[in-house]
Amino acid sequence: MASITTKAIVLSSLKFSDTSLIVKCYTEQEGVKSYIIKGILKAKKGGIKVAYFQPLTQLTLVANHNSKGTLNTLKEVQILNPYKTIYRDIVKQSVVLFISEVLTNSIQEEEKNIHFYNYLETALVWLDVHDKIANFHLLFLLNSTKYLGFYPDITENEIFGFDLLNGSFSASTANKNVISGNEFYQFKKLLGINFDDIEKVSFSKNERQLVLQLIIRYFELHLDGFRKPKSLQILEAVFN
């Protein structure tokens, strides 16, 4: 068993027995890791607090990682990049809940990916300090596919159609995975932009829901076992 110090982002936490939690984190140094934190739900001062494990909280961990694939343990936890608005704003809370669920479904590998970790860290800080965030989750998911291995190939962008299965522009009308017309037009608005451009992109409520459904479908086609997030309805209600 090796002791390691690493940055980490909380993906999910699950109550285990009456007093303990099992927490899944995406760590900077070793990818996805799960920890058992015994006795954390008992009222006591000091030590590791339950509040540290809200969805997508950024932490610094000192942990014991074992090589047997069983649950790991934590020795020390500190909040890193504390959020000022995310847990006080119902809209941002809903976005974070949704994103954490998608990431839990999407990230499987137990290996480090520094570039993906840095992207998540930067994107979450951006969400915390900006107000116009109605389209944030759309761009967050789409740009995440760069690190998950299936970002759209945007080289032939003069073609008026997009093949969700192949991840490239296509004019084929016979293929059920090719989107065209309004679906294609709305989806294309997000391609090739970063978060600072997001305020320039406008969607109506229906367009936003349409694009979100397309991105979820894109994830389903490219990730084995990807499940439609349960928090999807909450998110749609928040951006009503």
C-alpha atoms as a PDB file:
ATOM      1  CA  MET A   1       0.000   0.000   0.000  1.00  0.00           C
ATOM      2  CA  ALA A   2       1.466   3.341  -1.080  1.00  0.00           C
ATOM      3  CA  SER A   3       0.836   6.748   0.442  1.00  0.00           C
ATOM      4  CA  ILE A   4       0.200   9.440  -2.154  1.00  0.00           C
ATOM      5  CA  THR A   5      -0.569  13.161  -2.171  1.00  0.00           C
ATOM      6  CA  THR A   6      -2.742  14.240  -5.087  1.00  0.00           C
ATOM      7  CA  LYS A   7      -5.305  16.759  -6.197  1.00  0.00           C
ATOM      8  CA  ALA A   8      -8.754  15.242  -6.687  1.00  0.00           C
ATOM      9  CA  ILE A   9     -12.285  16.126  -7.814  1.00  0.00           C
ATOM     10  CA  VAL A  10     -15.227  14.423  -6.104  1.00  0.00           C
ATOM     11  CA  LEU A  11     -17.420  12.476  -8.543  1.00  0.00           C
ATOM     12  CA  SER A  12     -19.891  10.843  -6.147  1.00  0.00           C
ATOM     13  CA  SER A  13     -20.445   9.767  -2.558  1.00  0.00           C
ATOM     14  CA  LEU A  14     -22.573   6.929  -1.241  1.00  0.00           C
ATOM     15  CA  LYS A  15     -23.645   6.219   2.322  1.00  0.00           C
ATOM     16  CA  PHE A  16     -22.190   2.950   3.595  1.00  0.00           C
ATOM     17  CA  SER A  17     -23.582   1.593   6.854  1.00  0.00           C
ATOM     18  CA  ASP A  18     -24.880   4.178   9.336  1.00  0.00           C
ATOM     19  CA  THR A  19     -21.622   6.018   9.837  1.00  0.00           C
ATOM     20  CA  SER A  20     -19.460   5.713   6.728  1.00  0.00           C
ATOM     21  CA  LEU A  21     -19.185   6.985   3.157  1.00  0.00           C
ATOM     22  CA  ILE A  22     -17.767   5.517  -0.025  1.00  0.00           C
ATOM     23  CA  VAL A  23     -16.454   8.373  -2.148  1.00  0.00           C
ATOM     24  CA  LYS A  24     -15.386   8.159  -5.785  1.00  0.00           C
ATOM     25  CA  CYS A  25     -12.862  10.784  -6.915  1.00  0.00           C
ATOM     26  CA  TYR A  26     -11.038  11.631 -10.111  1.00  0.00           C
ATOM     27  CA  THR A  27      -7.462  12.113  -8.959  1.00  0.00           C
ATOM     28  CA  GLU A  28      -4.796  14.044 -10.802  1.00  0.00           C
ATOM     29  CA  GLN A  29      -2.146  11.371 -10.216  1.00  0.00           C
ATOM     30  CA  GLU A  30      -3.986   8.072 -10.646  1.00  0.00           C
ATOM     31  CA  GLY A  31      -7.344   8.618 -12.354  1.00  0.00           C
ATOM     32  CA  VAL A  32     -10.523   7.251 -10.742  1.00  0.00           C
ATOM     33  CA  LYS A  33     -10.151   6.079  -7.140  1.00  0.00           C
ATOM     34  CA  SER A  34     -12.753   5.035  -4.553  1.00  0.00           C
ATOM     35  CA  TYR A  35     -12.284   5.596  -0.831  1.00  0.00           C
ATOM     36  CA  ILE A  36     -14.039   4.317   2.263  1.00  0.00           C
ATOM     37  CA  ILE A  37     -14.252   6.917   5.028  1.00  0.00           C
ATOM     38  CA  LYS A  38     -15.291   5.169   8.202  1.00  0.00           C
ATOM     39  CA  GLY A  39     -17.196   6.985  10.938  1.00  0.00           C
ATOM     40  CA  ILE A  40     -17.475  10.261   9.019  1.00  0.00           C
ATOM     41  CA  LEU A  41     -21.247  10.501   9.580  1.00  0.00           C
ATOM     42  CA  LYS A  42     -20.898  10.467  13.356  1.00  0.00           C
ATOM     43  CA  ALA A  43     -21.067  13.952  14.845  1.00  0.00           C
ATOM     44  CA  LYS A  44     -17.573  14.901  15.858  1.00  0.00           C
ATOM     45  CA  LYS A  45     -15.345  17.951  15.725  1.00  0.00           C
ATOM     46  CA  GLY A  46     -12.249  18.160  13.580  1.00  0.00           C
ATOM     47  CA  GLY A  47     -11.039  15.523  11.190  1.00  0.00           C
ATOM     48  CA  ILE A  48     -12.463  14.878   7.735  1.00  0.00           C
ATOM     49  CA  LYS A  49     -15.888  16.480   7.199  1.00  0.00           C
ATOM     50  CA  VAL A  50     -18.847  15.307   5.110  1.00  0.00           C
ATOM     51  CA  ALA A  51     -19.024  18.765   3.486  1.00  0.00           C
ATOM     52  CA  TYR A  52     -15.737  18.056   1.709  1.00  0.00           C
ATOM     53  CA  PHE A  53     -17.459  15.485  -0.494  1.00  0.00           C
ATOM     54  CA  GLN A  54     -20.156  17.471  -2.277  1.00  0.00           C
ATOM     55  CA  PRO A  55     -20.224  16.821  -6.045  1.00  0.00           C
ATOM     56  CA  LEU A  56     -17.198  18.201  -7.922  1.00  0.00           C
ATOM     57  CA  THR A  57     -15.517  19.703  -4.846  1.00  0.00           C
ATOM     58  CA  GLN A  58     -11.800  20.143  -5.521  1.00  0.00           C
ATOM     59  CA  LEU A  59      -9.547  18.613  -2.890  1.00  0.00           C
ATOM     60  CA  THR A  60      -5.976  17.853  -1.954  1.00  0.00           C
ATOM     61  CA  LEU A  61      -5.767  14.314  -0.599  1.00  0.00           C
ATOM     62  CA  VAL A  62      -3.185  12.372   1.313  1.00  0.00           C
ATOM     63  CA  ALA A  63      -4.325   8.815   0.715  1.00  0.00           C
ATOM     64  CA  ASN A  64      -3.320   5.197   1.006  1.00  0.00           C
ATOM     65  CA  HIS A  65      -3.725   3.576  -2.407  1.00  0.00           C
ATOM     66  CA  ASN A  66      -3.592  -0.202  -2.518  1.00  0.00           C
ATOM     67  CA  SER A  67      -2.813  -2.279  -5.578  1.00  0.00           C
ATOM     68  CA  LYS A  68      -5.532  -4.900  -5.105  1.00  0.00           C
ATOM     69  CA  GLY A  69      -8.377  -2.877  -6.617  1.00  0.00           C
ATOM     70  CA  THR A  70     -10.236  -2.677  -3.309  1.00  0.00           C
ATOM     71  CA  LEU A  71     -11.320   0.488  -1.516  1.00  0.00           C
ATOM     72  CA  ASN A  72      -8.620   2.977  -0.571  1.00  0.00           C
ATOM     73  CA  THR A  73      -8.385   5.081   2.591  1.00  0.00           C
ATOM     74  CA  LEU A  74      -7.763   8.767   3.285  1.00  0.00           C
ATOM     75  CA  LYS A  75      -5.357  10.214   5.822  1.00  0.00           C
ATOM     76  CA  GLU A  76      -5.829  13.943   5.193  1.00  0.00           C
ATOM     77  CA  VAL A  77      -8.214  16.065   3.119  1.00  0.00           C
ATOM     78  CA  GLN A  78      -8.120  19.783   2.345  1.00  0.00           C
ATOM     79  CA  ILE A  79     -10.392  21.884   0.161  1.00  0.00           C
ATOM     80  CA  LEU A  80      -8.607  23.242  -2.911  1.00  0.00           C
ATOM     81  CA  ASN A  81     -10.033  26.123  -4.975  1.00  0.00           C
ATOM     82  CA  PRO A  82     -13.042  26.649  -2.645  1.00  0.00           C
ATOM     83  CA  TYR A  83     -16.152  27.658  -4.599  1.00  0.00           C
ATOM     84  CA  LYS A  84     -17.808  30.978  -3.795  1.00  0.00           C
ATOM     85  CA  THR A  85     -21.109  30.548  -5.650  1.00  0.00           C
ATOM     86  CA  ILE A  86     -21.632  26.946  -6.820  1.00  0.00           C
ATOM     87  CA  TYR A  87     -23.215  25.555  -3.643  1.00  0.00           C
ATOM     88  CA  ARG A  88     -25.248  28.720  -2.973  1.00  0.00           C
ATOM     89  CA  ASP A  89     -26.851  28.964  -6.415  1.00  0.00           C
ATOM     90  CA  ILE A  90     -29.611  26.453  -7.197  1.00  0.00           C
ATOM     91  CA  VAL A  91     -28.914  26.620 -10.946  1.00  0.00           C
ATOM     92  CA  LYS A  92     -25.186  25.993 -10.529  1.00  0.00           C
ATOM     93  CA  GLN A  93     -25.910  23.248  -7.995  1.00  0.00           C
ATOM     94  CA  SER A  94     -28.119  21.523 -10.554  1.00  0.00           C
ATOM     95  CA  VAL A  95     -25.459  21.876 -13.265  1.00  0.00           C
ATOM     96  CA  VAL A  96     -22.802  20.399 -10.973  1.00  0.00           C
ATOM     97  CA  LEU A  97     -25.045  17.490  -9.958  1.00  0.00           C
ATOM     98  CA  PHE A  98     -25.713  16.720 -13.620  1.00  0.00           C
ATOM     99  CA  ILE A  99     -22.052  17.006 -14.666  1.00  0.00           C
ATOM    100  CA  SER A 100     -20.863  14.831 -11.785  1.00  0.00           C
ATOM    101  CA  GLU A 101     -23.319  12.132 -12.828  1.00  0.00           C
ATOM    102  CA  VAL A 102     -22.151  12.264 -16.456  1.00  0.00           C
ATOM    103  CA  LEU A 103     -18.485  12.142 -15.431  1.00  0.00           C
ATOM    104  CA  THR A 104     -19.125   9.193 -13.100  1.00  0.00           C
ATOM    105  CA  ASN A 105     -20.660   7.357 -16.072  1.00  0.00           C
ATOM    106  CA  SER A 106     -17.913   8.430 -18.484  1.00  0.00           C
ATOM    107  CA  ILE A 107     -14.561   8.148 -16.703  1.00  0.00           C
ATOM    108  CA  GLN A 108     -13.598   4.569 -16.021  1.00  0.00           C
ATOM    109  CA  GLU A 109      -9.843   4.383 -16.315  1.00  0.00           C
ATOM    110  CA  GLU A 110      -7.568   4.087 -13.329  1.00  0.00           C
ATOM    111  CA  GLU A 111      -4.735   5.971 -14.936  1.00  0.00           C
ATOM    112  CA  LYS A 112      -3.740   9.584 -14.817  1.00  0.00           C
ATOM    113  CA  ASN A 113      -4.736  12.061 -17.504  1.00  0.00           C
ATOM    114  CA  ILE A 114      -3.271  15.390 -16.462  1.00  0.00           C
ATOM    115  CA  HIS A 115      -4.760  17.273 -19.410  1.00  0.00           C
ATOM    116  CA  PHE A 116      -8.292  16.088 -18.603  1.00  0.00           C
ATOM    117  CA  TYR A 117      -7.817  16.847 -14.921  1.00  0.00           C
ATOM    118  CA  ASN A 118      -6.628  20.377 -15.714  1.00  0.00           C
ATOM    119  CA  TYR A 119      -9.605  20.882 -18.033  1.00  0.00           C
ATOM    120  CA  LEU A 120     -12.066  19.860 -15.294  1.00  0.00           C
ATOM    121  CA  GLU A 121     -10.357  22.055 -12.712  1.00  0.00           C
ATOM    122  CA  THR A 122     -10.315  25.109 -15.006  1.00  0.00           C
ATOM    123  CA  ALA A 123     -13.912  24.606 -16.205  1.00  0.00           C
ATOM    124  CA  LEU A 124     -15.269  24.363 -12.643  1.00  0.00           C
ATOM    125  CA  VAL A 125     -13.456  27.518 -11.551  1.00  0.00           C
ATOM    126  CA  TRP A 126     -14.903  29.248 -14.642  1.00  0.00           C
ATOM    127  CA  LEU A 127     -18.424  28.125 -13.659  1.00  0.00           C
ATOM    128  CA  ASP A 128     -17.917  29.432 -10.125  1.00  0.00           C
ATOM    129  CA  VAL A 129     -16.941  32.958 -11.180  1.00  0.00           C
ATOM    130  CA  HIS A 130     -19.348  33.548 -14.087  1.00  0.00           C
ATOM    131  CA  ASP A 131     -23.063  34.384 -14.051  1.00  0.00           C
ATOM    132  CA  LYS A 132     -24.219  33.622 -17.605  1.00  0.00           C
ATOM    133  CA  ILE A 133     -24.013  29.856 -17.440  1.00  0.00           C
ATOM    134  CA  ALA A 134     -27.174  28.587 -19.177  1.00  0.00           C
ATOM    135  CA  ASN A 135     -25.107  26.934 -21.925  1.00  0.00           C
ATOM    136  CA  PHE A 136     -22.133  25.920 -19.784  1.00  0.00           C
ATOM    137  CA  HIS A 137     -23.137  22.262 -19.403  1.00  0.00           C
ATOM    138  CA  LEU A 138     -23.508  21.867 -23.177  1.00  0.00           C
ATOM    139  CA  LEU A 139     -20.021  23.109 -23.963  1.00  0.00           C
ATOM    140  CA  PHE A 140     -18.573  21.344 -20.911  1.00  0.00           C
ATOM    141  CA  LEU A 141     -19.827  17.962 -22.143  1.00  0.00           C
ATOM    142  CA  LEU A 142     -18.867  18.509 -25.765  1.00  0.00           C
ATOM    143  CA  ASN A 143     -15.348  19.712 -24.945  1.00  0.00           C
ATOM    144  CA  SER A 144     -14.926  16.820 -22.490  1.00  0.00           C
ATOM    145  CA  THR A 145     -15.015  14.485 -25.487  1.00  0.00           C
ATOM    146  CA  LYS A 146     -11.545  15.788 -26.476  1.00  0.00           C
ATOM    147  CA  TYR A 147     -10.173  13.954 -23.427  1.00  0.00           C
ATOM    148  CA  LEU A 148     -12.536  10.980 -23.619  1.00  0.00           C
ATOM    149  CA  GLY A 149     -11.396  10.308 -27.164  1.00  0.00           C
ATOM    150  CA  PHE A 150     -14.299  11.224 -29.450  1.00  0.00           C
ATOM    151  CA  TYR A 151     -14.333  14.986 -30.094  1.00  0.00           C
ATOM    152  CA  PRO A 152     -15.980  15.756 -33.458  1.00  0.00           C
ATOM    153  CA  ASP A 153     -13.706  15.946 -36.479  1.00  0.00           C
ATOM    154  CA  ILE A 154     -14.467  19.477 -37.684  1.00  0.00           C
ATOM    155  CA  THR A 155     -12.199  19.567 -40.751  1.00  0.00           C
ATOM    156  CA  GLU A 156     -14.913  19.244 -43.428  1.00  0.00           C
ATOM    157  CA  ASN A 157     -17.244  21.778 -41.844  1.00  0.00           C
ATOM    158  CA  GLU A 158     -18.725  22.983 -45.136  1.00  0.00           C
ATOM    159  CA  ILE A 159     -20.881  19.825 -45.283  1.00  0.00           C
ATOM    160  CA  PHE A 160     -24.435  20.342 -43.964  1.00  0.00           C
ATOM    161  CA  GLY A 161     -24.797  17.257 -41.796  1.00  0.00           C
ATOM    162  CA  PHE A 162     -23.038  15.503 -38.927  1.00  0.00           C
ATOM    163  CA  ASP A 163     -22.647  11.777 -38.272  1.00  0.00           C
ATOM    164  CA  LEU A 164     -22.940  11.235 -34.505  1.00  0.00           C
ATOM    165  CA  LEU A 165     -21.577   7.684 -34.719  1.00  0.00           C
ATOM    166  CA  ASN A 166     -18.458   8.500 -36.750  1.00  0.00           C
ATOM    167  CA  GLY A 167     -17.986  11.936 -35.168  1.00  0.00           C
ATOM    168  CA  SER A 168     -17.549  13.704 -38.495  1.00  0.00           C
ATOM    169  CA  PHE A 169     -19.443  15.852 -40.976  1.00  0.00           C
ATOM    170  CA  SER A 170     -21.549  13.862 -43.417  1.00  0.00           C
ATOM    171  CA  ALA A 171     -24.145  14.660 -46.074  1.00  0.00           C
ATOM    172  CA  SER A 172     -25.667  11.157 -46.013  1.00  0.00           C
ATOM    173  CA  THR A 173     -29.436  11.205 -45.541  1.00  0.00           C
ATOM    174  CA  ALA A 174     -29.829   7.416 -45.338  1.00  0.00           C
ATOM    175  CA  ASN A 175     -27.946   7.078 -42.036  1.00  0.00           C
ATOM    176  CA  LYS A 176     -30.083   7.371 -38.876  1.00  0.00           C
ATOM    177  CA  ASN A 177     -27.108   8.736 -36.928  1.00  0.00           C
ATOM    178  CA  VAL A 178     -26.665  11.717 -39.244  1.00  0.00           C
ATOM    179  CA  ILE A 179     -28.263  14.949 -38.030  1.00  0.00           C
ATOM    180  CA  SER A 180     -29.191  17.711 -40.445  1.00  0.00           C
ATOM    181  CA  GLY A 181     -31.382  20.807 -40.697  1.00  0.00           C
ATOM    182  CA  ASN A 182     -32.108  22.576 -37.402  1.00  0.00           C
ATOM    183  CA  GLU A 183     -30.531  19.824 -35.270  1.00  0.00           C
ATOM    184  CA  PHE A 184     -27.275  20.188 -37.161  1.00  0.00           C
ATOM    185  CA  TYR A 185     -27.415  24.001 -37.104  1.00  0.00           C
ATOM    186  CA  GLN A 186     -27.882  24.155 -33.318  1.00  0.00           C
ATOM    187  CA  PHE A 187     -25.274  21.452 -32.589  1.00  0.00           C
ATOM    188  CA  LYS A 188     -22.683  23.156 -34.805  1.00  0.00           C
ATOM    189  CA  LYS A 189     -22.871  26.395 -32.770  1.00  0.00           C
ATOM    190  CA  LEU A 190     -20.781  24.753 -30.033  1.00  0.00           C
ATOM    191  CA  LEU A 191     -18.025  23.274 -32.180  1.00  0.00           C
ATOM    192  CA  GLY A 192     -14.546  24.755 -31.870  1.00  0.00           C
ATOM    193  CA  ILE A 193     -15.305  27.312 -29.122  1.00  0.00           C
ATOM    194  CA  ASN A 194     -14.139  27.747 -25.524  1.00  0.00           C
ATOM    195  CA  PHE A 195     -15.956  28.899 -22.379  1.00  0.00           C
ATOM    196  CA  ASP A 196     -15.256  32.585 -22.913  1.00  0.00           C
ATOM    197  CA  ASP A 197     -17.156  32.380 -26.237  1.00  0.00           C
ATOM    198  CA  ILE A 198     -20.215  30.758 -24.662  1.00  0.00           C
ATOM    199  CA  GLU A 199     -21.991  34.035 -23.887  1.00  0.00           C
ATOM    200  CA  LYS A 200     -22.076  34.803 -27.616  1.00  0.00           C
ATOM    201  CA  VAL A 201     -24.002  31.589 -28.344  1.00  0.00           C
ATOM    202  CA  SER A 202     -27.767  31.925 -28.061  1.00  0.00           C
ATOM    203  CA  PHE A 203     -30.266  29.097 -27.680  1.00  0.00           C
ATOM    204  CA  SER A 204     -33.959  29.201 -26.932  1.00  0.00           C
ATOM    205  CA  LYS A 205     -35.189  26.848 -24.194  1.00  0.00           C
ATOM    206  CA  ASN A 206     -36.232  24.262 -26.797  1.00  0.00           C
ATOM    207  CA  GLU A 207     -32.978  24.589 -28.744  1.00  0.00           C
ATOM    208  CA  ARG A 208     -30.938  24.107 -25.567  1.00  0.00           C
ATOM    209  CA  GLN A 209     -32.875  20.938 -24.702  1.00  0.00           C
ATOM    210  CA  LEU A 210     -32.489  19.686 -28.277  1.00  0.00           C
ATOM    211  CA  VAL A 211     -28.700  20.170 -28.208  1.00  0.00           C
ATOM    212  CA  LEU A 212     -28.414  18.532 -24.803  1.00  0.00           C
ATOM    213  CA  GLN A 213     -30.329  15.471 -26.060  1.00  0.00           C
ATOM    214  CA  LEU A 214     -28.002  15.299 -29.084  1.00  0.00           C
ATOM    215  CA  ILE A 215     -24.892  15.452 -26.897  1.00  0.00           C
ATOM    216  CA  ILE A 216     -26.279  12.746 -24.579  1.00  0.00           C
ATOM    217  CA  ARG A 217     -26.952  10.608 -27.655  1.00  0.00           C
ATOM    218  CA  TYR A 218     -23.395  11.278 -28.837  1.00  0.00           C
ATOM    219  CA  PHE A 219     -22.062  10.036 -25.483  1.00  0.00           C
ATOM    220  CA  GLU A 220     -24.298   6.949 -25.638  1.00  0.00           C
ATOM    221  CA  LEU A 221     -22.944   6.051 -29.085  1.00  0.00           C
ATOM    222  CA  HIS A 222     -19.299   6.393 -28.053  1.00  0.00           C
ATOM    223  CA  LEU A 223     -19.150   5.120 -24.459  1.00  0.00           C
ATOM    224  CA  ASP A 224     -20.024   1.521 -23.653  1.00  0.00           C
ATOM    225  CA  GLY A 225     -22.541   1.308 -20.835  1.00  0.00           C
ATOM    226  CA  PHE A 226     -23.191   5.057 -20.684  1.00  0.00           C
ATOM    227  CA  ARG A 227     -26.534   5.699 -18.971  1.00  0.00           C
ATOM    228  CA  LYS A 228     -28.781   8.692 -19.477  1.00  0.00           C
ATOM    229  CA  PRO A 229     -28.306  10.843 -16.328  1.00  0.00           C
ATOM    230  CA  LYS A 230     -31.148  10.743 -13.798  1.00  0.00           C
ATOM    231  CA  SER A 231     -30.581  14.436 -13.065  1.00  0.00           C
ATOM    232  CA  LEU A 232     -31.398  15.387 -16.671  1.00  0.00           C
ATOM    233  CA  GLN A 233     -35.004  16.322 -15.804  1.00  0.00           C
ATOM    234  CA  ILE A 234     -33.855  18.561 -12.940  1.00  0.00           C
ATOM    235  CA  LEU A 235     -31.540  20.400 -15.287  1.00  0.00           C
ATOM    236  CA  GLU A 236     -34.254  20.885 -17.899  1.00  0.00           C
ATOM    237  CA  ALA A 237     -36.593  22.277 -15.212  1.00  0.00           C
ATOM    238  CA  VAL A 238     -33.954  24.729 -13.961  1.00  0.00           C
ATOM    239  CA  PHE A 239     -33.404  26.178 -17.440  1.00  0.00           C
ATOM    240  CA  ASN A 240     -37.134  26.353 -18.162  1.00  0.00           C
END
